[in-house]
């Protein structure tokens, strides 16, 4: 089945521009919203839009790169996008930060929100920053985050390399490594630091029991973004969740293990 692809730019009343990519067939069977993670962009979903765009209206977009960076502001941006695109019901697929925004959206949704049919969380860790130095489940400890701030101010290119190594703990192609490095530099250290600083202070754990939709947790066995224990917390606290581990994958399984990722996602969508 053939599909069409287009890019558009939506402008919010506050001037924030949202770049959107839509891939869909003539008669889509539903809508999937792909929400990228920290220091990434919409192109990370290229394999999913190519695959699922044959049957679904698939939407990817770039998260804002202008303050403020809070979960609720991200939700408000997405509500604007959904309204502009006349989306009334959809499936949410979110990578790390994009999954946490999804938790916030579903847990705080009202009758005025477009309905989320299913939720997919990819390496999404509700413990972004912990003030406990011995806490093994967070992405960063507070001490590590403060050290990151110092490195960002002194040598951005060096930290971009460190970030690439952090994201890819297993061997990947040079093109994927370059994508991670280049996208970090494109998004910028200010967005990285301020997003972590703002969202890292928000406690999403109390929201998990309020996520009533069917949820799939996907994580890479080697991901530092989502240690296995943190995903166990999600599975325990989400009311209707299933979990899938991508063996030997790190933090971007939708890029590095796209065939396996697409197969698992397809199976979940058909359930």
Protein backbone atom coordinates (compact mmCIF):
# COMPACT_ATOMS: atom_id res chain seq x y z
CA UNK A 1 0.00 0.00 0.00
CA UNK A 2 1.44 3.38 -1.00
CA UNK A 3 1.65 6.37 1.32
CA UNK A 4 2.15 10.10 1.04
CA UNK A 5 4.53 12.24 3.07
CA UNK A 6 4.60 15.94 3.85
CA UNK A 7 6.22 18.39 6.24
CA UNK A 8 4.46 21.40 7.69
CA UNK A 9 5.24 24.06 10.26
CA UNK A 10 2.66 25.03 12.86
CA UNK A 11 3.02 28.30 14.77
CA UNK A 12 1.52 28.70 18.22
CA UNK A 13 0.12 32.04 19.41
CA UNK A 14 3.25 32.50 21.57
CA UNK A 15 5.43 32.21 18.45
CA UNK A 16 6.77 28.69 19.08
CA UNK A 17 7.09 26.86 15.77
CA UNK A 18 6.46 23.11 15.57
CA UNK A 19 7.89 21.21 12.62
CA UNK A 20 5.69 18.23 11.76
CA UNK A 21 6.11 15.26 9.43
CA UNK A 22 3.03 13.29 8.37
CA UNK A 23 3.18 9.97 6.52
CA UNK A 24 -0.11 8.25 5.73
CA UNK A 25 -2.00 6.09 3.20
CA UNK A 26 -5.11 7.23 1.37
CA UNK A 27 -7.37 5.55 3.95
CA UNK A 28 -5.56 5.28 7.31
CA UNK A 29 -6.84 2.85 9.92
CA UNK A 30 -5.90 5.15 12.77
CA UNK A 31 -3.36 7.71 13.96
CA UNK A 32 0.00 7.19 15.67
CA UNK A 33 1.80 10.12 17.29
CA UNK A 34 5.57 9.61 17.64
CA UNK A 35 7.21 11.79 20.29
CA UNK A 36 11.01 11.86 20.32
CA UNK A 37 13.28 11.97 23.35
CA UNK A 38 15.84 14.25 24.91
CA UNK A 39 18.19 15.93 22.42
CA UNK A 40 16.65 14.21 19.44
CA UNK A 41 14.33 15.19 16.61
CA UNK A 42 11.49 13.84 14.47
CA UNK A 43 13.84 12.05 12.07
CA UNK A 44 14.58 9.38 14.69
CA UNK A 45 11.21 7.82 13.75
CA UNK A 46 12.02 7.45 10.04
CA UNK A 47 11.82 3.64 10.04
CA UNK A 48 8.54 3.64 11.96
CA UNK A 49 6.89 6.22 9.71
CA UNK A 50 8.00 4.32 6.64
CA UNK A 51 6.60 1.07 8.05
CA UNK A 52 3.43 2.18 9.84
CA UNK A 53 2.69 5.00 7.41
CA UNK A 54 1.38 2.37 5.00
CA UNK A 55 -1.64 1.69 7.24
CA UNK A 56 -1.79 4.51 9.80
CA UNK A 57 -1.63 8.28 9.70
CA UNK A 58 1.72 8.72 11.41
CA UNK A 59 2.75 12.05 12.90
CA UNK A 60 6.18 13.00 14.20
CA UNK A 61 7.31 16.47 15.25
CA UNK A 62 10.11 18.40 16.90
CA UNK A 63 9.66 19.26 20.57
CA UNK A 64 10.03 22.91 21.46
CA UNK A 65 13.50 24.41 21.81
CA UNK A 66 12.41 27.52 23.66
CA UNK A 67 11.60 27.95 27.34
CA UNK A 68 9.73 26.97 29.37
CA UNK A 69 10.51 23.25 29.40
CA UNK A 70 8.02 21.53 31.68
CA UNK A 71 5.92 18.45 31.13
CA UNK A 72 2.72 20.48 31.10
CA UNK A 73 4.08 22.96 28.55
CA UNK A 74 5.06 20.04 26.30
CA UNK A 75 1.53 18.66 26.73
CA UNK A 76 0.06 22.04 25.79
CA UNK A 77 2.18 22.12 22.63
CA UNK A 78 0.91 18.68 21.66
CA UNK A 79 -2.70 19.65 22.36
CA UNK A 80 -2.21 22.55 19.95
CA UNK A 81 -0.74 20.21 17.32
CA UNK A 82 -3.57 17.69 17.69
CA UNK A 83 -6.20 20.40 17.35
CA UNK A 84 -4.55 21.84 14.24
CA UNK A 85 -4.41 18.39 12.64
CA UNK A 86 -7.96 17.46 13.69
CA UNK A 87 -6.87 14.43 15.69
CA UNK A 88 -9.56 13.12 18.03
CA UNK A 89 -8.09 9.73 18.96
CA UNK A 90 -4.59 8.33 18.60
CA UNK A 91 -1.83 5.98 19.79
CA UNK A 92 1.08 7.59 21.64
CA UNK A 93 4.61 6.25 21.07
CA UNK A 94 7.19 8.14 23.11
CA UNK A 95 10.95 7.73 23.48
CA UNK A 96 12.44 8.49 26.92
CA UNK A 97 11.31 12.12 27.51
CA UNK A 98 8.54 11.67 24.95
CA UNK A 99 7.18 8.77 26.97
CA UNK A 100 7.22 10.80 30.19
CA UNK A 101 5.26 13.54 28.44
CA UNK A 102 2.80 10.81 27.42
CA UNK A 103 2.38 9.73 31.05
CA UNK A 104 1.66 13.33 31.99
CA UNK A 105 -0.83 13.70 29.14
CA UNK A 106 -2.78 10.53 29.89
CA UNK A 107 -2.79 10.98 33.67
CA UNK A 108 -3.99 14.58 33.48
CA UNK A 109 -6.30 14.24 30.48
CA UNK A 110 -9.86 15.50 30.55
CA UNK A 111 -12.85 15.14 28.25
CA UNK A 112 -11.42 18.04 26.26
CA UNK A 113 -8.24 16.10 25.39
CA UNK A 114 -8.05 13.95 22.26
CA UNK A 115 -8.23 10.34 23.44
CA UNK A 116 -5.10 8.18 23.76
CA UNK A 117 -6.06 4.64 22.75
CA UNK A 118 -2.75 3.01 23.71
CA UNK A 119 0.54 4.22 25.16
CA UNK A 120 4.03 3.00 24.27
CA UNK A 121 6.98 3.99 26.47
CA UNK A 122 10.47 3.45 25.06
CA UNK A 123 13.31 3.66 27.59
CA UNK A 124 11.20 6.11 29.59
CA UNK A 125 12.50 6.53 33.13
CA UNK A 126 10.43 8.55 35.63
CA UNK A 127 13.58 8.99 37.71
CA UNK A 128 15.44 11.57 35.63
CA UNK A 129 17.55 13.07 38.42
CA UNK A 130 17.94 11.70 41.95
CA UNK A 131 19.45 13.47 44.95
CA UNK A 132 20.37 10.02 46.33
CA UNK A 133 23.92 9.14 45.34
CA UNK A 134 23.33 5.41 45.81
CA UNK A 135 20.03 5.27 43.89
CA UNK A 136 20.64 2.88 40.97
CA UNK A 137 17.49 3.60 38.95
CA UNK A 138 17.82 7.26 37.97
CA UNK A 139 19.30 8.55 34.71
CA UNK A 140 21.58 10.91 36.62
CA UNK A 141 22.31 11.67 40.23
CA UNK A 142 22.22 15.32 41.27
CA UNK A 143 26.01 15.29 41.57
CA UNK A 144 26.36 13.92 38.03
CA UNK A 145 23.96 16.55 36.69
CA UNK A 146 25.95 19.35 38.30
CA UNK A 147 29.14 17.93 36.79
CA UNK A 148 27.42 17.82 33.39
CA UNK A 149 26.58 21.51 33.71
CA UNK A 150 30.24 22.34 34.28
CA UNK A 151 31.36 20.30 31.25
CA UNK A 152 28.69 21.85 29.03
CA UNK A 153 29.97 25.32 29.86
CA UNK A 154 33.58 24.44 29.12
CA UNK A 155 33.54 22.04 26.17
CA UNK A 156 30.33 21.39 24.26
CA UNK A 157 31.87 19.15 21.59
CA UNK A 158 33.49 16.98 24.23
CA UNK A 159 30.19 16.51 26.03
CA UNK A 160 28.43 15.72 22.73
CA UNK A 161 30.88 12.82 22.34
CA UNK A 162 30.26 11.75 25.95
CA UNK A 163 26.51 11.90 25.38
CA UNK A 164 26.82 9.78 22.23
CA UNK A 165 28.76 7.17 24.20
CA UNK A 166 26.13 7.29 26.96
CA UNK A 167 23.31 6.70 24.48
CA UNK A 168 25.13 3.93 22.59
CA UNK A 169 26.61 1.45 25.03
CA UNK A 170 26.66 -1.24 22.34
CA UNK A 171 28.22 -1.09 18.85
CA UNK A 172 26.14 0.82 16.28
CA UNK A 173 26.74 2.11 12.78
CA UNK A 174 28.76 5.25 12.27
CA UNK A 175 25.71 6.94 10.74
CA UNK A 176 23.65 6.41 13.91
CA UNK A 177 26.50 7.67 16.09
CA UNK A 178 26.83 10.73 13.85
CA UNK A 179 23.07 11.32 14.07
CA UNK A 180 23.21 11.29 17.87
CA UNK A 181 26.25 13.59 18.02
CA UNK A 182 25.01 16.05 15.39
CA UNK A 183 21.48 16.21 16.81
CA UNK A 184 22.80 17.00 20.28
CA UNK A 185 24.76 19.93 18.85
CA UNK A 186 21.74 21.04 16.80
CA UNK A 187 19.35 20.97 19.74
CA UNK A 188 21.93 22.65 21.93
CA UNK A 189 23.27 22.46 25.46
CA UNK A 190 20.82 25.05 26.80
CA UNK A 191 17.78 22.98 25.80
CA UNK A 192 19.41 19.84 27.23
CA UNK A 193 20.33 21.43 30.56
CA UNK A 194 17.12 23.38 31.11
CA UNK A 195 14.86 20.49 30.09
CA UNK A 196 16.63 18.16 32.51
CA UNK A 197 16.64 20.80 35.22
CA UNK A 198 12.90 21.50 34.87
CA UNK A 199 11.56 18.02 34.19
CA UNK A 200 14.01 16.34 36.54
CA UNK A 201 12.39 18.15 39.47
CA UNK A 202 8.93 16.77 38.66
CA UNK A 203 7.85 13.57 40.35
CA UNK A 204 5.78 11.46 37.95
CA UNK A 205 5.50 8.41 40.18
CA UNK A 206 2.12 9.48 41.68
CA UNK A 207 0.74 9.79 38.12
CA UNK A 208 1.43 6.18 37.12
CA UNK A 209 -1.68 4.61 38.72
CA UNK A 210 -3.78 7.18 36.81
CA UNK A 211 -2.59 5.89 33.42
CA UNK A 212 -5.56 3.68 32.66
CA UNK A 213 -4.84 2.88 28.99
CA UNK A 214 -3.10 -0.26 27.73
CA UNK A 215 0.62 0.41 27.90
CA UNK A 216 3.65 -1.25 26.35
CA UNK A 217 7.05 -0.70 27.95
CA UNK A 218 9.98 -1.26 25.57
CA UNK A 219 13.53 -0.95 26.81
CA UNK A 220 16.99 -1.79 25.62
CA UNK A 221 18.83 -4.28 27.82
CA UNK A 222 21.95 -2.09 27.68
CA UNK A 223 20.27 1.31 27.98
CA UNK A 224 21.64 3.71 30.59
CA UNK A 225 18.57 5.89 30.16
CA UNK A 226 16.36 3.17 31.58
CA UNK A 227 18.04 0.69 33.92
CA UNK A 228 16.04 -2.53 34.16
CA UNK A 229 14.94 -1.76 37.73
CA UNK A 230 13.35 1.52 36.68
CA UNK A 231 11.27 -0.31 34.10
CA UNK A 232 10.16 -2.72 36.79
CA UNK A 233 8.73 0.22 38.72
CA UNK A 234 6.74 1.21 35.65
CA UNK A 235 5.42 -2.29 35.17
CA UNK A 236 4.43 -2.49 38.83
CA UNK A 237 2.68 0.88 39.07
CA UNK A 238 0.96 1.16 35.68
CA UNK A 239 -2.50 -0.46 35.86
CA UNK A 240 -2.43 -2.26 32.49
CA UNK A 241 1.13 -2.64 31.27
CA UNK A 242 3.21 -5.18 29.37
CA UNK A 243 6.98 -5.10 28.99
CA UNK A 244 9.42 -6.08 26.24
CA UNK A 245 13.21 -6.10 26.45
CA UNK A 246 15.21 -5.56 23.28
CA UNK A 247 18.25 -7.74 23.88
CA UNK A 248 21.65 -6.07 23.42
CA UNK A 249 20.00 -2.75 22.45
CA UNK A 250 20.90 0.51 24.13
CA UNK A 251 18.82 3.69 24.11
CA UNK A 252 17.54 4.01 20.52
CA UNK A 253 16.08 0.58 19.63
CA UNK A 254 13.72 2.16 17.07
CA UNK A 255 16.85 3.06 15.08
CA UNK A 256 19.32 0.30 15.95
CA UNK A 257 16.83 -2.60 16.05
CA UNK A 258 14.08 -1.16 13.87
CA UNK A 259 12.75 -4.46 12.45
CA UNK A 260 12.36 -6.01 15.90
CA UNK A 261 10.92 -2.79 17.28
CA UNK A 262 8.36 -2.52 14.49
CA UNK A 263 7.33 -6.17 14.90
CA UNK A 264 6.76 -5.75 18.64
CA UNK A 265 4.86 -2.51 18.13
CA UNK A 266 2.70 -4.07 15.38
CA UNK A 267 1.78 -6.96 17.65
CA UNK A 268 0.79 -4.56 20.45
CA UNK A 269 -1.32 -2.42 18.15
CA UNK A 270 -3.25 -5.49 16.98
CA UNK A 271 -4.07 -6.72 20.49
